[in-house]
Amino acid sequence: MKFEKFKPENYKNVNTKFTLRLPEEMHEEIAKYSQRHDISMNALILNCIKYALANRED
C-alpha cells in the first residue's frame, strides 16, 4: 500500500486536534514503520483512518 505524505498546506483551515492514547508497543510499531517508510506518524495514522473509512462495511 502506498501512503500519502502529510502536506500541512492541505490542512490550513483545520483546527481539530485530539489525543490518541496508544499502548506503548503499538506506538513503537507505528514509529518504526513510519521511520522505515519515511512518513510521519501523523500521516501514517491519517492514511490508516482514511483506508478504514473507505473500506468499512456499513
N, C-alpha and C. Protein backbone atom coordinates (compact mmCIF):
# COMPACT_ATOMS: atom_id res chain seq x y z
N MET A 1 0.84 -1.18 0.00
CA MET A 1 0.00 0.00 0.00
C MET A 1 0.88 1.24 0.00
N LYS A 2 0.57 2.19 -0.84
CA LYS A 2 1.32 3.44 -0.93
C LYS A 2 0.65 4.48 -0.04
N PHE A 3 1.41 5.06 0.87
CA PHE A 3 0.87 6.06 1.77
C PHE A 3 1.15 7.46 1.25
N GLU A 4 0.20 8.36 1.45
CA GLU A 4 0.39 9.75 1.09
C GLU A 4 1.22 10.43 2.16
N LYS A 5 2.12 11.31 1.73
CA LYS A 5 2.89 12.12 2.68
C LYS A 5 1.96 13.16 3.29
N PHE A 6 2.26 13.57 4.51
CA PHE A 6 1.47 14.61 5.16
C PHE A 6 1.84 15.94 4.55
N LYS A 7 0.84 16.68 4.09
CA LYS A 7 1.06 18.00 3.50
C LYS A 7 0.31 19.03 4.33
N PRO A 8 1.03 19.79 5.16
CA PRO A 8 0.36 20.75 6.04
C PRO A 8 -0.54 21.73 5.28
N GLU A 9 -0.18 22.06 4.05
CA GLU A 9 -0.99 23.01 3.28
C GLU A 9 -2.41 22.49 3.01
N ASN A 10 -2.59 21.17 3.08
CA ASN A 10 -3.93 20.60 2.90
C ASN A 10 -4.80 20.76 4.14
N TYR A 11 -4.20 21.23 5.21
CA TYR A 11 -4.92 21.31 6.49
C TYR A 11 -4.88 22.73 7.08
N LYS A 12 -4.78 23.74 6.21
CA LYS A 12 -4.68 25.13 6.68
C LYS A 12 -5.84 25.55 7.56
N ASN A 13 -7.04 25.17 7.20
CA ASN A 13 -8.23 25.61 7.92
C ASN A 13 -8.74 24.58 8.92
N VAL A 14 -7.92 23.60 9.23
CA VAL A 14 -8.33 22.55 10.15
C VAL A 14 -7.78 22.88 11.54
N ASN A 15 -8.67 22.99 12.49
CA ASN A 15 -8.27 23.32 13.85
C ASN A 15 -8.58 22.20 14.83
N THR A 16 -8.85 21.04 14.33
CA THR A 16 -9.23 19.93 15.20
C THR A 16 -7.99 19.15 15.61
N LYS A 17 -7.82 19.00 16.89
CA LYS A 17 -6.74 18.18 17.44
C LYS A 17 -7.35 17.29 18.50
N PHE A 18 -6.78 16.10 18.63
CA PHE A 18 -7.22 15.24 19.72
C PHE A 18 -6.06 14.37 20.16
N THR A 19 -6.18 13.86 21.35
CA THR A 19 -5.15 13.00 21.92
C THR A 19 -5.53 11.55 21.65
N LEU A 20 -4.58 10.79 21.17
CA LEU A 20 -4.80 9.37 20.92
C LEU A 20 -3.90 8.60 21.88
N ARG A 21 -4.50 7.82 22.73
CA ARG A 21 -3.73 7.03 23.68
C ARG A 21 -3.49 5.64 23.09
N LEU A 22 -2.24 5.30 22.96
CA LEU A 22 -1.86 4.01 22.37
C LEU A 22 -1.08 3.18 23.37
N PRO A 23 -1.22 1.88 23.28
CA PRO A 23 -0.33 1.03 24.08
C PRO A 23 1.12 1.30 23.61
N GLU A 24 2.04 1.21 24.53
CA GLU A 24 3.44 1.52 24.22
C GLU A 24 3.96 0.69 23.04
N GLU A 25 3.59 -0.58 22.99
CA GLU A 25 4.06 -1.46 21.91
C GLU A 25 3.55 -0.99 20.54
N MET A 26 2.30 -0.53 20.50
CA MET A 26 1.73 -0.06 19.24
C MET A 26 2.41 1.23 18.80
N HIS A 27 2.67 2.11 19.76
CA HIS A 27 3.37 3.36 19.46
C HIS A 27 4.74 3.06 18.85
N GLU A 28 5.45 2.12 19.46
CA GLU A 28 6.78 1.75 18.95
C GLU A 28 6.68 1.17 17.54
N GLU A 29 5.67 0.33 17.31
CA GLU A 29 5.50 -0.27 15.99
C GLU A 29 5.19 0.79 14.93
N ILE A 30 4.32 1.74 15.27
CA ILE A 30 3.99 2.82 14.35
C ILE A 30 5.22 3.68 14.09
N ALA A 31 5.97 3.99 15.11
CA ALA A 31 7.18 4.81 14.96
C ALA A 31 8.20 4.14 14.06
N LYS A 32 8.42 2.84 14.27
CA LYS A 32 9.38 2.10 13.45
C LYS A 32 8.93 2.04 12.00
N TYR A 33 7.64 1.74 11.79
CA TYR A 33 7.11 1.63 10.43
C TYR A 33 7.23 2.98 9.70
N SER A 34 6.85 4.04 10.39
CA SER A 34 6.89 5.35 9.74
C SER A 34 8.33 5.77 9.42
N GLN A 35 9.27 5.42 10.28
CA GLN A 35 10.67 5.72 10.00
C GLN A 35 11.18 4.93 8.80
N ARG A 36 10.88 3.65 8.76
CA ARG A 36 11.32 2.79 7.65
C ARG A 36 10.77 3.26 6.30
N HIS A 37 9.56 3.81 6.33
CA HIS A 37 8.90 4.21 5.09
C HIS A 37 8.92 5.71 4.86
N ASP A 38 9.73 6.43 5.65
CA ASP A 38 9.92 7.87 5.51
C ASP A 38 8.59 8.62 5.45
N ILE A 39 7.74 8.36 6.44
CA ILE A 39 6.45 9.02 6.54
C ILE A 39 6.24 9.37 8.00
N SER A 40 5.61 10.48 8.26
CA SER A 40 5.38 10.86 9.66
C SER A 40 4.35 9.94 10.29
N MET A 41 4.40 9.85 11.60
CA MET A 41 3.41 9.05 12.31
C MET A 41 2.02 9.62 12.07
N ASN A 42 1.91 10.93 12.03
CA ASN A 42 0.62 11.58 11.79
C ASN A 42 0.07 11.16 10.42
N ALA A 43 0.91 11.21 9.38
CA ALA A 43 0.46 10.83 8.04
C ALA A 43 0.08 9.36 7.99
N LEU A 44 0.85 8.51 8.66
CA LEU A 44 0.54 7.08 8.68
C LEU A 44 -0.82 6.83 9.32
N ILE A 45 -1.07 7.45 10.46
CA ILE A 45 -2.34 7.26 11.15
C ILE A 45 -3.49 7.84 10.33
N LEU A 46 -3.30 9.01 9.72
CA LEU A 46 -4.34 9.58 8.85
C LEU A 46 -4.66 8.65 7.69
N ASN A 47 -3.63 8.07 7.07
CA ASN A 47 -3.84 7.15 5.96
C ASN A 47 -4.58 5.90 6.41
N CYS A 48 -4.24 5.40 7.59
CA CYS A 48 -4.92 4.21 8.12
C CYS A 48 -6.40 4.49 8.38
N ILE A 49 -6.70 5.64 8.95
CA ILE A 49 -8.09 6.01 9.21
C ILE A 49 -8.83 6.18 7.89
N LYS A 50 -8.21 6.85 6.94
CA LYS A 50 -8.81 7.06 5.63
C LYS A 50 -9.12 5.72 4.96
N TYR A 51 -8.18 4.78 5.01
CA TYR A 51 -8.37 3.47 4.44
C TYR A 51 -9.51 2.72 5.14
N ALA A 52 -9.51 2.77 6.47
CA ALA A 52 -10.56 2.07 7.22
C ALA A 52 -11.95 2.62 6.89
N LEU A 53 -12.06 3.94 6.80
CA LEU A 53 -13.35 4.54 6.47
C LEU A 53 -13.81 4.18 5.05
N ALA A 54 -12.86 4.14 4.11
CA ALA A 54 -13.20 3.82 2.72
C ALA A 54 -13.56 2.35 2.54
N ASN A 55 -13.11 1.49 3.44
CA ASN A 55 -13.31 0.05 3.29
C ASN A 55 -14.20 -0.57 4.35
N ARG A 56 -14.92 0.25 5.06
CA ARG A 56 -15.80 -0.29 6.10
C ARG A 56 -17.08 -0.86 5.49
N GLU A 57 -17.66 -1.76 6.23
CA GLU A 57 -18.93 -2.34 5.82
C GLU A 57 -20.00 -1.75 6.72
N ASP A 58 -20.91 -1.03 6.12
CA ASP A 58 -21.97 -0.38 6.92
C ASP A 58 -23.10 -1.30 7.23
